[in-house]
Amino acid sequence: RQKIDWARQHMPICAALRDEFEETQPLDGQRVGMAMHVE
């Protein structure tokens, strides 16, 4: 959580999109499967 919080402070694009997404809930009911570098 400490690593994620540090990254979030320096990711304004994802922060702006998260604010929008929390309000509009565009993925409500969707299931997203991810295979990524988990950092």
Full PDB file with SEQRES, HELIX, SHEET, SSBOND, CRYST1, ORIGX, SCALE, CONECT and MASTER records, all heavy atoms in Angstrom:
SEQRES   1 A   39  ARG GLN LYS ILE ASP TRP ALA ARG GLN HIS MET PRO ILE          
SEQRES   2 A   39  CYS ALA ALA LEU ARG ASP GLU PHE GLU GLU THR GLN PRO          
SEQRES   3 A   39  LEU ASP GLY GLN ARG VAL GLY MET ALA MET HIS VAL GLU          
HELIX    1 AA1 GLN A    2  GLN A    9  1                                   8    
HELIX    2 AA2 PRO A   12  THR A   24  1                                  13    
CRYST1    1.000    1.000    1.000  90.00  90.00  90.00 P 1           1          
ORIGX1      1.000000  0.000000  0.000000        0.00000                         
ORIGX2      0.000000  1.000000  0.000000        0.00000                         
ORIGX3      0.000000  0.000000  1.000000        0.00000                         
SCALE1      1.000000  0.000000  0.000000        0.00000                         
SCALE2      0.000000  1.000000  0.000000        0.00000                         
SCALE3      0.000000  0.000000  1.000000        0.00000                         
ATOM      1  N   ARG A   1       0.837  -1.206   0.000  1.00  0.00           N  
ATOM      2  CA  ARG A   1       0.000   0.000   0.000  1.00  0.00           C  
ATOM      3  C   ARG A   1       0.866   1.248   0.000  1.00  0.00           C  
ATOM      4  O   ARG A   1       0.533   2.245  -0.672  1.00  0.00           O  
ATOM      5  CB  ARG A   1      -0.924  -0.040   1.224  1.00  0.00           C  
ATOM      6  CG  ARG A   1      -1.819   1.181   1.410  1.00  0.00           C  
ATOM      7  CD  ARG A   1      -2.579   1.571   0.173  1.00  0.00           C  
ATOM      8  NE  ARG A   1      -3.286   0.453  -0.432  1.00  0.00           N  
ATOM      9  CZ  ARG A   1      -3.863   0.495  -1.619  1.00  0.00           C  
ATOM     10  NH1 ARG A   1      -3.794   1.594  -2.358  1.00  0.00           N  
ATOM     11  NH2 ARG A   1      -4.480  -0.557  -2.108  1.00  0.00           N  
ATOM     12  N   GLN A   2       1.980   1.231   0.692  1.00  0.00           N  
ATOM     13  CA  GLN A   2       2.887   2.382   0.686  1.00  0.00           C  
ATOM     14  C   GLN A   2       3.410   2.640  -0.726  1.00  0.00           C  
ATOM     15  O   GLN A   2       3.465   3.796  -1.179  1.00  0.00           O  
ATOM     16  CB  GLN A   2       4.051   2.128   1.642  1.00  0.00           C  
ATOM     17  CG  GLN A   2       5.000   3.303   1.804  1.00  0.00           C  
ATOM     18  CD  GLN A   2       6.118   3.002   2.777  1.00  0.00           C  
ATOM     19  OE1 GLN A   2       6.654   1.894   2.819  1.00  0.00           O  
ATOM     20  NE2 GLN A   2       6.476   3.984   3.591  1.00  0.00           N  
ATOM     21  N   LYS A   3       3.781   1.591  -1.440  1.00  0.00           N  
ATOM     22  CA  LYS A   3       4.262   1.744  -2.815  1.00  0.00           C  
ATOM     23  C   LYS A   3       3.168   2.288  -3.725  1.00  0.00           C  
ATOM     24  O   LYS A   3       3.409   3.172  -4.570  1.00  0.00           O  
ATOM     25  CB  LYS A   3       4.756   0.401  -3.358  1.00  0.00           C  
ATOM     26  CG  LYS A   3       6.018  -0.131  -2.709  1.00  0.00           C  
ATOM     27  CD  LYS A   3       6.397  -1.482  -3.330  1.00  0.00           C  
ATOM     28  CE  LYS A   3       7.655  -2.058  -2.696  1.00  0.00           C  
ATOM     29  NZ  LYS A   3       8.002  -3.383  -3.287  1.00  0.00           N  
ATOM     30  N   ILE A   4       1.963   1.761  -3.592  1.00  0.00           N  
ATOM     31  CA  ILE A   4       0.859   2.197  -4.447  1.00  0.00           C  
ATOM     32  C   ILE A   4       0.505   3.656  -4.176  1.00  0.00           C  
ATOM     33  O   ILE A   4       0.289   4.444  -5.103  1.00  0.00           O  
ATOM     34  CB  ILE A   4      -0.375   1.295  -4.228  1.00  0.00           C  
ATOM     35  CG1 ILE A   4      -0.058  -0.149  -4.633  1.00  0.00           C  
ATOM     36  CG2 ILE A   4      -1.572   1.808  -5.030  1.00  0.00           C  
ATOM     37  CD1 ILE A   4      -1.109  -1.158  -4.203  1.00  0.00           C  
ATOM     38  N   ASP A   5       0.465   4.038  -2.903  1.00  0.00           N  
ATOM     39  CA  ASP A   5       0.121   5.416  -2.561  1.00  0.00           C  
ATOM     40  C   ASP A   5       1.151   6.393  -3.102  1.00  0.00           C  
ATOM     41  O   ASP A   5       0.814   7.501  -3.555  1.00  0.00           O  
ATOM     42  CB  ASP A   5      -0.005   5.568  -1.040  1.00  0.00           C  
ATOM     43  CG  ASP A   5      -1.255   4.889  -0.490  1.00  0.00           C  
ATOM     44  OD1 ASP A   5      -2.136   4.529  -1.290  1.00  0.00           O  
ATOM     45  OD2 ASP A   5      -1.325   4.707   0.748  1.00  0.00           O  
ATOM     46  N   TRP A   6       2.433   6.005  -3.078  1.00  0.00           N  
ATOM     47  CA  TRP A   6       3.475   6.876  -3.632  1.00  0.00           C  
ATOM     48  C   TRP A   6       3.280   7.044  -5.145  1.00  0.00           C  
ATOM     49  O   TRP A   6       3.355   8.154  -5.675  1.00  0.00           O  
ATOM     50  CB  TRP A   6       4.854   6.293  -3.341  1.00  0.00           C  
ATOM     51  CG  TRP A   6       5.957   7.024  -4.052  1.00  0.00           C  
ATOM     52  CD1 TRP A   6       6.597   6.649  -5.190  1.00  0.00           C  
ATOM     53  CD2 TRP A   6       6.526   8.295  -3.685  1.00  0.00           C  
ATOM     54  NE1 TRP A   6       7.543   7.580  -5.554  1.00  0.00           N  
ATOM     55  CE2 TRP A   6       7.516   8.599  -4.650  1.00  0.00           C  
ATOM     56  CE3 TRP A   6       6.302   9.177  -2.633  1.00  0.00           C  
ATOM     57  CZ2 TRP A   6       8.280   9.766  -4.590  1.00  0.00           C  
ATOM     58  CZ3 TRP A   6       7.066  10.344  -2.574  1.00  0.00           C  
ATOM     59  CH2 TRP A   6       8.028  10.629  -3.541  1.00  0.00           C  
ATOM     60  N   ALA A   7       3.011   5.920  -5.815  1.00  0.00           N  
ATOM     61  CA  ALA A   7       2.801   6.001  -7.261  1.00  0.00           C  
ATOM     62  C   ALA A   7       1.592   6.870  -7.588  1.00  0.00           C  
ATOM     63  O   ALA A   7       1.645   7.706  -8.508  1.00  0.00           O  
ATOM     64  CB  ALA A   7       2.618   4.594  -7.837  1.00  0.00           C  
ATOM     65  N   ARG A   8       0.508   6.704  -6.838  1.00  0.00           N  
ATOM     66  CA  ARG A   8      -0.714   7.455  -7.138  1.00  0.00           C  
ATOM     67  C   ARG A   8      -0.482   8.961  -7.051  1.00  0.00           C  
ATOM     68  O   ARG A   8      -1.069   9.737  -7.818  1.00  0.00           O  
ATOM     69  CB  ARG A   8      -1.835   7.033  -6.188  1.00  0.00           C  
ATOM     70  CG  ARG A   8      -3.130   7.823  -6.414  1.00  0.00           C  
ATOM     71  CD  ARG A   8      -4.281   7.313  -5.579  1.00  0.00           C  
ATOM     72  NE  ARG A   8      -4.724   6.025  -6.073  1.00  0.00           N  
ATOM     73  CZ  ARG A   8      -4.756   4.920  -5.360  1.00  0.00           C  
ATOM     74  NH1 ARG A   8      -4.372   4.930  -4.108  1.00  0.00           N  
ATOM     75  NH2 ARG A   8      -5.175   3.794  -5.878  1.00  0.00           N  
ATOM     76  N   GLN A   9       0.385   9.395  -6.134  1.00  0.00           N  
ATOM     77  CA  GLN A   9       0.664  10.830  -6.003  1.00  0.00           C  
ATOM     78  C   GLN A   9       1.231  11.416  -7.288  1.00  0.00           C  
ATOM     79  O   GLN A   9       1.101  12.614  -7.534  1.00  0.00           O  
ATOM     80  CB  GLN A   9       1.672  11.070  -4.879  1.00  0.00           C  
ATOM     81  CG  GLN A   9       1.168  10.794  -3.488  1.00  0.00           C  
ATOM     82  CD  GLN A   9       2.262  11.051  -2.467  1.00  0.00           C  
ATOM     83  OE1 GLN A   9       2.981  12.044  -2.541  1.00  0.00           O  
ATOM     84  NE2 GLN A   9       2.400  10.138  -1.511  1.00  0.00           N  
ATOM     85  N   HIS A  10       1.866  10.574  -8.108  1.00  0.00           N  
ATOM     86  CA  HIS A  10       2.552  11.045  -9.306  1.00  0.00           C  
ATOM     87  C   HIS A  10       1.873  10.556 -10.585  1.00  0.00           C  
ATOM     88  O   HIS A  10       2.487  10.558 -11.650  1.00  0.00           O  
ATOM     89  CB  HIS A  10       4.011  10.574  -9.262  1.00  0.00           C  
ATOM     90  CG  HIS A  10       4.742  11.047  -8.049  1.00  0.00           C  
ATOM     91  ND1 HIS A  10       5.278  12.312  -7.934  1.00  0.00           N  
ATOM     92  CD2 HIS A  10       4.993  10.430  -6.859  1.00  0.00           C  
ATOM     93  CE1 HIS A  10       5.844  12.451  -6.754  1.00  0.00           C  
ATOM     94  NE2 HIS A  10       5.688  11.326  -6.086  1.00  0.00           N  
ATOM     95  N   MET A  11       0.591  10.185 -10.470  1.00  0.00           N  
ATOM     96  CA  MET A  11      -0.160   9.699 -11.625  1.00  0.00           C  
ATOM     97  C   MET A  11      -1.464  10.500 -11.775  1.00  0.00           C  
ATOM     98  O   MET A  11      -2.562   9.992 -11.536  1.00  0.00           O  
ATOM     99  CB  MET A  11      -0.435   8.195 -11.492  1.00  0.00           C  
ATOM    100  CG  MET A  11       0.829   7.351 -11.460  1.00  0.00           C  
ATOM    101  SD  MET A  11       0.554   5.565 -11.269  1.00  0.00           S  
ATOM    102  CE  MET A  11      -0.106   5.121 -12.887  1.00  0.00           C  
ATOM    103  N   PRO A  12      -1.347  11.761 -12.187  1.00  0.00           N  
ATOM    104  CA  PRO A  12      -2.536  12.623 -12.249  1.00  0.00           C  
ATOM    105  C   PRO A  12      -3.556  12.192 -13.292  1.00  0.00           C  
ATOM    106  O   PRO A  12      -4.756  12.476 -13.135  1.00  0.00           O  
ATOM    107  CB  PRO A  12      -1.958  13.997 -12.586  1.00  0.00           C  
ATOM    108  CG  PRO A  12      -0.642  13.716 -13.242  1.00  0.00           C  
ATOM    109  CD  PRO A  12      -0.110  12.498 -12.535  1.00  0.00           C  
ATOM    110  N   ILE A  13      -3.122  11.524 -14.361  1.00  0.00           N  
ATOM    111  CA  ILE A  13      -4.085  11.080 -15.373  1.00  0.00           C  
ATOM    112  C   ILE A  13      -5.014  10.026 -14.771  1.00  0.00           C  
ATOM    113  O   ILE A  13      -6.248  10.134 -14.868  1.00  0.00           O  
ATOM    114  CB  ILE A  13      -3.359  10.518 -16.604  1.00  0.00           C  
ATOM    115  CG1 ILE A  13      -2.505  11.593 -17.262  1.00  0.00           C  
ATOM    116  CG2 ILE A  13      -4.370   9.965 -17.609  1.00  0.00           C  
ATOM    117  CD1 ILE A  13      -1.583  11.070 -18.350  1.00  0.00           C  
ATOM    118  N   CYS A  14      -4.422   9.012 -14.148  1.00  0.00           N  
ATOM    119  CA  CYS A  14      -5.244   7.971 -13.531  1.00  0.00           C  
ATOM    120  C   CYS A  14      -6.103   8.547 -12.404  1.00  0.00           C  
ATOM    121  O   CYS A  14      -7.247   8.115 -12.197  1.00  0.00           O  
ATOM    122  CB  CYS A  14      -4.364   6.838 -13.019  1.00  0.00           C  
ATOM    123  SG  CYS A  14      -3.749   5.747 -14.331  1.00  0.00           S  
ATOM    124  N   ALA A  15      -5.582   9.543 -11.679  1.00  0.00           N  
ATOM    125  CA  ALA A  15      -6.365  10.174 -10.610  1.00  0.00           C  
ATOM    126  C   ALA A  15      -7.591  10.876 -11.179  1.00  0.00           C  
ATOM    127  O   ALA A  15      -8.708  10.759 -10.641  1.00  0.00           O  
ATOM    128  CB  ALA A  15      -5.493  11.158  -9.835  1.00  0.00           C  
ATOM    129  N   ALA A  16      -7.414  11.613 -12.274  1.00  0.00           N  
ATOM    130  CA  ALA A  16      -8.543  12.321 -12.886  1.00  0.00           C  
ATOM    131  C   ALA A  16      -9.573  11.331 -13.427  1.00  0.00           C  
ATOM    132  O   ALA A  16     -10.792  11.535 -13.266  1.00  0.00           O  
ATOM    133  CB  ALA A  16      -8.031  13.231 -13.996  1.00  0.00           C  
ATOM    134  N   LEU A  17      -9.095  10.262 -14.073  1.00  0.00           N  
ATOM    135  CA  LEU A  17     -10.013   9.266 -14.606  1.00  0.00           C  
ATOM    136  C   LEU A  17     -10.731   8.526 -13.477  1.00  0.00           C  
ATOM    137  O   LEU A  17     -11.924   8.214 -13.583  1.00  0.00           O  
ATOM    138  CB  LEU A  17      -9.265   8.286 -15.494  1.00  0.00           C  
ATOM    139  CG  LEU A  17      -8.775   8.864 -16.827  1.00  0.00           C  
ATOM    140  CD1 LEU A  17      -7.848   7.879 -17.522  1.00  0.00           C  
ATOM    141  CD2 LEU A  17      -9.951   9.238 -17.722  1.00  0.00           C  
ATOM    142  N   ARG A  18     -10.032   8.279 -12.383  1.00  0.00           N  
ATOM    143  CA  ARG A  18     -10.683   7.604 -11.259  1.00  0.00           C  
ATOM    144  C   ARG A  18     -11.816   8.465 -10.702  1.00  0.00           C  
ATOM    145  O   ARG A  18     -12.900   7.945 -10.389  1.00  0.00           O  
ATOM    146  CB  ARG A  18      -9.665   7.291 -10.168  1.00  0.00           C  
ATOM    147  CG  ARG A  18     -10.291   6.615  -8.946  1.00  0.00           C  
ATOM    148  CD  ARG A  18      -9.257   6.088  -7.991  1.00  0.00           C  
ATOM    149  NE  ARG A  18      -9.878   5.490  -6.827  1.00  0.00           N  
ATOM    150  CZ  ARG A  18      -9.317   4.581  -6.039  1.00  0.00           C  
ATOM    151  NH1 ARG A  18      -8.101   4.144  -6.324  1.00  0.00           N  
ATOM    152  NH2 ARG A  18      -9.948   4.097  -4.989  1.00  0.00           N  
ATOM    153  N   ASP A  19     -11.572   9.759 -10.572  1.00  0.00           N  
ATOM    154  CA  ASP A  19     -12.637  10.649 -10.091  1.00  0.00           C  
ATOM    155  C   ASP A  19     -13.859  10.567 -11.008  1.00  0.00           C  
ATOM    156  O   ASP A  19     -15.002  10.501 -10.547  1.00  0.00           O  
ATOM    157  CB  ASP A  19     -12.132  12.094 -10.028  1.00  0.00           C  
ATOM    158  CG  ASP A  19     -11.129  12.313  -8.906  1.00  0.00           C  
ATOM    159  OD1 ASP A  19     -11.061  11.468  -7.987  1.00  0.00           O  
ATOM    160  OD2 ASP A  19     -10.412  13.332  -8.949  1.00  0.00           O  
ATOM    161  N   GLU A  20     -13.606  10.578 -12.320  1.00  0.00           N  
ATOM    162  CA  GLU A  20     -14.708  10.479 -13.279  1.00  0.00           C  
ATOM    163  C   GLU A  20     -15.406   9.131 -13.173  1.00  0.00           C  
ATOM    164  O   GLU A  20     -16.645   9.042 -13.150  1.00  0.00           O  
ATOM    165  CB  GLU A  20     -14.164  10.673 -14.699  1.00  0.00           C  
ATOM    166  CG  GLU A  20     -15.198  10.457 -15.789  1.00  0.00           C  
ATOM    167  CD  GLU A  20     -14.575  10.289 -17.160  1.00  0.00           C  
ATOM    168  OE1 GLU A  20     -13.562  10.953 -17.447  1.00  0.00           O  
ATOM    169  OE2 GLU A  20     -15.105   9.475 -17.953  1.00  0.00           O  
ATOM    170  N   PHE A  21     -14.611   8.067 -13.088  1.00  0.00           N  
ATOM    171  CA  PHE A  21     -15.181   6.724 -13.056  1.00  0.00           C  
ATOM    172  C   PHE A  21     -16.000   6.472 -11.792  1.00  0.00           C  
ATOM    173  O   PHE A  21     -17.023   5.789 -11.834  1.00  0.00           O  
ATOM    174  CB  PHE A  21     -14.062   5.680 -13.145  1.00  0.00           C  
ATOM    175  CG  PHE A  21     -13.400   5.578 -14.495  1.00  0.00           C  
ATOM    176  CD1 PHE A  21     -12.320   4.719 -14.669  1.00  0.00           C  
ATOM    177  CD2 PHE A  21     -13.843   6.328 -15.565  1.00  0.00           C  
ATOM    178  CE1 PHE A  21     -11.701   4.601 -15.902  1.00  0.00           C  
ATOM    179  CE2 PHE A  21     -13.226   6.225 -16.812  1.00  0.00           C  
ATOM    180  CZ  PHE A  21     -12.153   5.359 -16.975  1.00  0.00           C  
ATOM    181  N   GLU A  22     -15.536   6.996 -10.665  1.00  0.00           N  
ATOM    182  CA  GLU A  22     -16.284   6.790  -9.422  1.00  0.00           C  
ATOM    183  C   GLU A  22     -17.671   7.422  -9.511  1.00  0.00           C  
ATOM    184  O   GLU A  22     -18.634   6.903  -8.938  1.00  0.00           O  
ATOM    185  CB  GLU A  22     -15.510   7.380  -8.242  1.00  0.00           C  
ATOM    186  CG  GLU A  22     -14.299   6.531  -7.836  1.00  0.00           C  
ATOM    187  CD  GLU A  22     -13.508   7.148  -6.701  1.00  0.00           C  
ATOM    188  OE1 GLU A  22     -13.528   8.392  -6.576  1.00  0.00           O  
ATOM    189  OE2 GLU A  22     -12.858   6.390  -5.947  1.00  0.00           O  
ATOM    190  N   GLU A  23     -17.756   8.510 -10.253  1.00  0.00           N  
ATOM    191  CA  GLU A  23     -19.042   9.202 -10.390  1.00  0.00           C  
ATOM    192  C   GLU A  23     -19.946   8.531 -11.419  1.00  0.00           C  
ATOM    193  O   GLU A  23     -21.149   8.367 -11.191  1.00  0.00           O  
ATOM    194  CB  GLU A  23     -18.804  10.659 -10.785  1.00  0.00           C  
ATOM    195  CG  GLU A  23     -20.079  11.465 -10.945  1.00  0.00           C  
ATOM    196  CD  GLU A  23     -19.810  12.919 -11.287  1.00  0.00           C  
ATOM    197  OE1 GLU A  23     -18.641  13.356 -11.198  1.00  0.00           O  
ATOM    198  OE2 GLU A  23     -20.777  13.620 -11.644  1.00  0.00           O  
ATOM    199  N   THR A  24     -19.371   8.109 -12.551  1.00  0.00           N  
ATOM    200  CA  THR A  24     -20.197   7.609 -13.649  1.00  0.00           C  
ATOM    201  C   THR A  24     -20.354   6.100 -13.673  1.00  0.00           C  
ATOM    202  O   THR A  24     -21.263   5.580 -14.333  1.00  0.00           O  
ATOM    203  CB  THR A  24     -19.604   8.064 -14.995  1.00  0.00           C  
ATOM    204  OG1 THR A  24     -18.269   7.526 -15.133  1.00  0.00           O  
ATOM    205  CG2 THR A  24     -19.544   9.588 -15.074  1.00  0.00           C  
ATOM    206  N   GLN A  25     -19.466   5.365 -13.019  1.00  0.00           N  
ATOM    207  CA  GLN A  25     -19.517   3.903 -12.951  1.00  0.00           C  
ATOM    208  C   GLN A  25     -19.684   3.244 -14.338  1.00  0.00           C  
ATOM    209  O   GLN A  25     -20.586   2.424 -14.557  1.00  0.00           O  
ATOM    210  CB  GLN A  25     -20.647   3.457 -12.024  1.00  0.00           C  
ATOM    211  CG  GLN A  25     -20.452   3.816 -10.558  1.00  0.00           C  
ATOM    212  CD  GLN A  25     -19.328   2.990  -9.917  1.00  0.00           C  
ATOM    213  OE1 GLN A  25     -19.503   1.814  -9.634  1.00  0.00           O  
ATOM    214  NE2 GLN A  25     -18.179   3.627  -9.717  1.00  0.00           N  
ATOM    215  N   PRO A  26     -18.788   3.551 -15.273  1.00  0.00           N  
ATOM    216  CA  PRO A  26     -18.956   3.015 -16.632  1.00  0.00           C  
ATOM    217  C   PRO A  26     -18.760   1.508 -16.742  1.00  0.00           C  
ATOM    218  O   PRO A  26     -19.192   0.911 -17.733  1.00  0.00           O  
ATOM    219  CB  PRO A  26     -17.880   3.763 -17.427  1.00  0.00           C  
ATOM    220  CG  PRO A  26     -16.823   4.093 -16.418  1.00  0.00           C  
ATOM    221  CD  PRO A  26     -17.588   4.407 -15.161  1.00  0.00           C  
ATOM    222  N   LEU A  27     -18.116   0.893 -15.751  1.00  0.00           N  
ATOM    223  CA  LEU A  27     -17.835  -0.542 -15.824  1.00  0.00           C  
ATOM    224  C   LEU A  27     -18.711  -1.356 -14.876  1.00  0.00           C  
ATOM    225  O   LEU A  27     -18.415  -2.514 -14.580  1.00  0.00           O  
ATOM    226  CB  LEU A  27     -16.358  -0.815 -15.522  1.00  0.00           C  
ATOM    227  CG  LEU A  27     -15.356  -0.132 -16.454  1.00  0.00           C  
ATOM    228  CD1 LEU A  27     -13.927  -0.484 -16.047  1.00  0.00           C  
ATOM    229  CD2 LEU A  27     -15.602  -0.520 -17.904  1.00  0.00           C  
ATOM    230  N   ASP A  28     -19.795  -0.755 -14.414  1.00  0.00           N  
ATOM    231  CA  ASP A  28     -20.691  -1.460 -13.507  1.00  0.00           C  
ATOM    232  C   ASP A  28     -21.174  -2.758 -14.158  1.00  0.00           C  
ATOM    233  O   ASP A  28     -21.686  -2.771 -15.276  1.00  0.00           O  
ATOM    234  CB  ASP A  28     -21.893  -0.571 -13.176  1.00  0.00           C  
ATOM    235  CG  ASP A  28     -22.807  -1.218 -12.144  1.00  0.00           C  
ATOM    236  OD1 ASP A  28     -22.297  -1.925 -11.259  1.00  0.00           O  
ATOM    237  OD2 ASP A  28     -24.031  -1.023 -12.246  1.00  0.00           O  
ATOM    238  N   GLY A  29     -20.973  -3.866 -13.453  1.00  0.00           N  
ATOM    239  CA  GLY A  29     -21.409  -5.168 -13.951  1.00  0.00           C  
ATOM    240  C   GLY A  29     -20.387  -5.880 -14.817  1.00  0.00           C  
ATOM    241  O   GLY A  29     -20.606  -7.036 -15.190  1.00  0.00           O  
ATOM    242  N   GLN A  30     -19.263  -5.223 -15.143  1.00  0.00           N  
ATOM    243  CA  GLN A  30     -18.241  -5.861 -15.970  1.00  0.00           C  
ATOM    244  C   GLN A  30     -17.235  -6.623 -15.105  1.00  0.00           C  
ATOM    245  O   GLN A  30     -16.998  -6.278 -13.945  1.00  0.00           O  
ATOM    246  CB  GLN A  30     -17.498  -4.816 -16.808  1.00  0.00           C  
ATOM    247  CG  GLN A  30     -18.388  -3.999 -17.716  1.00  0.00           C  
ATOM    248  CD  GLN A  30     -19.114  -4.850 -18.743  1.00  0.00           C  
ATOM    249  OE1 GLN A  30     -18.600  -5.873 -19.222  1.00  0.00           O  
ATOM    250  NE2 GLN A  30     -20.340  -4.443 -19.075  1.00  0.00           N  
ATOM    251  N   ARG A  31     -16.645  -7.649 -15.697  1.00  0.00           N  
ATOM    252  CA  ARG A  31     -15.575  -8.410 -15.051  1.00  0.00           C  
ATOM    253  C   ARG A  31     -14.318  -8.235 -15.914  1.00  0.00           C  
ATOM    254  O   ARG A  31     -14.331  -8.608 -17.096  1.00  0.00           O  
ATOM    255  CB  ARG A  31     -15.954  -9.883 -14.913  1.00  0.00           C  
ATOM    256  CG  ARG A  31     -17.169 -10.122 -14.038  1.00  0.00           C  
ATOM    257  CD  ARG A  31     -17.517 -11.605 -13.933  1.00  0.00           C  
ATOM    258  NE  ARG A  31     -17.823 -12.193 -15.236  1.00  0.00           N  
ATOM    259  CZ  ARG A  31     -18.995 -12.122 -15.840  1.00  0.00           C  
ATOM    260  NH1 ARG A  31     -20.000 -11.440 -15.274  1.00  0.00           N  
ATOM    261  NH2 ARG A  31     -19.181 -12.684 -17.022  1.00  0.00           N  
ATOM    262  N   VAL A  32     -13.291  -7.677 -15.329  1.00  0.00           N  
ATOM    263  CA  VAL A  32     -12.067  -7.374 -16.075  1.00  0.00           C  
ATOM    264  C   VAL A  32     -10.968  -8.342 -15.635  1.00  0.00           C  
ATOM    265  O   VAL A  32     -10.628  -8.407 -14.453  1.00  0.00           O  
ATOM    266  CB  VAL A  32     -11.619  -5.918 -15.854  1.00  0.00           C  
ATOM    267  CG1 VAL A  32     -10.317  -5.642 -16.614  1.00  0.00           C  
ATOM    268  CG2 VAL A  32     -12.715  -4.949 -16.321  1.00  0.00           C  
ATOM    269  N   GLY A  33     -10.435  -9.094 -16.592  1.00  0.00           N  
ATOM    270  CA  GLY A  33      -9.320  -9.992 -16.334  1.00  0.00           C  
ATOM    271  C   GLY A  33      -8.035  -9.364 -16.828  1.00  0.00           C  
ATOM    272  O   GLY A  33      -7.956  -8.926 -17.979  1.00  0.00           O  
ATOM    273  N   MET A  34      -7.016  -9.329 -15.973  1.00  0.00           N  
ATOM    274  CA  MET A  34      -5.768  -8.640 -16.301  1.00  0.00           C  
ATOM    275  C   MET A  34      -4.577  -9.583 -16.139  1.00  0.00           C  
ATOM    276  O   MET A  34      -4.494 -10.320 -15.149  1.00  0.00           O  
ATOM    277  CB  MET A  34      -5.586  -7.410 -15.399  1.00  0.00           C  
ATOM    278  CG  MET A  34      -6.727  -6.411 -15.467  1.00  0.00           C  
ATOM    279  SD  MET A  34      -6.551  -5.020 -14.295  1.00  0.00           S  
ATOM    280  CE  MET A  34      -5.112  -4.177 -14.988  1.00  0.00           C  
ATOM    281  N   ALA A  35      -3.649  -9.534 -17.089  1.00  0.00           N  
ATOM    282  CA  ALA A  35      -2.352 -10.208 -16.973  1.00  0.00           C  
ATOM    283  C   ALA A  35      -1.301  -9.152 -17.264  1.00  0.00           C  
ATOM    284  O   ALA A  35      -1.064  -8.804 -18.420  1.00  0.00           O  
ATOM    285  CB  ALA A  35      -2.244 -11.371 -17.950  1.00  0.00           C  
ATOM    286  N   MET A  36      -0.686  -8.621 -16.206  1.00  0.00           N  
ATOM    287  CA  MET A  36       0.187  -7.449 -16.318  1.00  0.00           C  
ATOM    288  C   MET A  36       1.411  -7.641 -15.408  1.00  0.00           C  
ATOM    289  O   MET A  36       1.476  -8.569 -14.609  1.00  0.00           O  
ATOM    290  CB  MET A  36      -0.562  -6.182 -15.873  1.00  0.00           C  
ATOM    291  CG  MET A  36      -1.880  -5.920 -16.589  1.00  0.00           C  
ATOM    292  SD  MET A  36      -1.652  -5.262 -18.238  1.00  0.00           S  
ATOM    293  CE  MET A  36      -1.254  -3.560 -17.866  1.00  0.00           C  
ATOM    294  N   HIS A  37       2.373  -6.726 -15.529  1.00  0.00           N  
ATOM    295  CA  HIS A  37       3.470  -6.667 -14.569  1.00  0.00           C  
ATOM    296  C   HIS A  37       2.898  -6.046 -13.285  1.00  0.00           C  
ATOM    297  O   HIS A  37       2.574  -4.850 -13.251  1.00  0.00           O  
ATOM    298  CB  HIS A  37       4.613  -5.812 -15.098  1.00  0.00           C  
ATOM    299  CG  HIS A  37       5.197  -6.326 -16.377  1.00  0.00           C  
ATOM    300  ND1 HIS A  37       5.892  -7.513 -16.446  1.00  0.00           N  
ATOM    301  CD2 HIS A  37       5.185  -5.813 -17.635  1.00  0.00           C  
ATOM    302  CE1 HIS A  37       6.287  -7.709 -17.694  1.00  0.00           C  
ATOM    303  NE2 HIS A  37       5.869  -6.702 -18.432  1.00  0.00           N  
ATOM    304  N   VAL A  38       2.756  -6.846 -12.247  1.00  0.00           N  
ATOM    305  CA  VAL A  38       2.047  -6.373 -11.054  1.00  0.00           C  
ATOM    306  C   VAL A  38       3.025  -5.656 -10.137  1.00  0.00           C  
ATOM    307  O   VAL A  38       3.714  -6.255  -9.310  1.00  0.00           O  
ATOM    308  CB  VAL A  38       1.334  -7.537 -10.341  1.00  0.00           C  
ATOM    309  CG1 VAL A  38       0.601  -7.025  -9.104  1.00  0.00           C  
ATOM    310  CG2 VAL A  38       0.341  -8.196 -11.296  1.00  0.00           C  
ATOM    311  N   GLU A  39       3.102  -4.351 -10.346  1.00  0.00           N  
ATOM    312  CA  GLU A  39       3.894  -3.470  -9.488  1.00  0.00           C  
ATOM    313  C   GLU A  39       3.044  -2.236  -9.200  1.00  0.00           C  
ATOM    314  O   GLU A  39       1.852  -2.230  -9.524  1.00  0.00           O  
ATOM    315  CB  GLU A  39       5.247  -3.145 -10.121  1.00  0.00           C  
ATOM    316  CG  GLU A  39       5.223  -2.826 -11.593  1.00  0.00           C  
ATOM    317  CD  GLU A  39       4.673  -1.456 -11.888  1.00  0.00           C  
ATOM    318  OE1 GLU A  39       5.141  -0.483 -11.264  1.00  0.00           O  
ATOM    319  OE2 GLU A  39       3.771  -1.344 -12.711  1.00  0.00           O  
TER     320      GLU A  39                                                      
MASTER        0    0    0    2    0    0    0    6  319    1    0    3          
END                                                                             
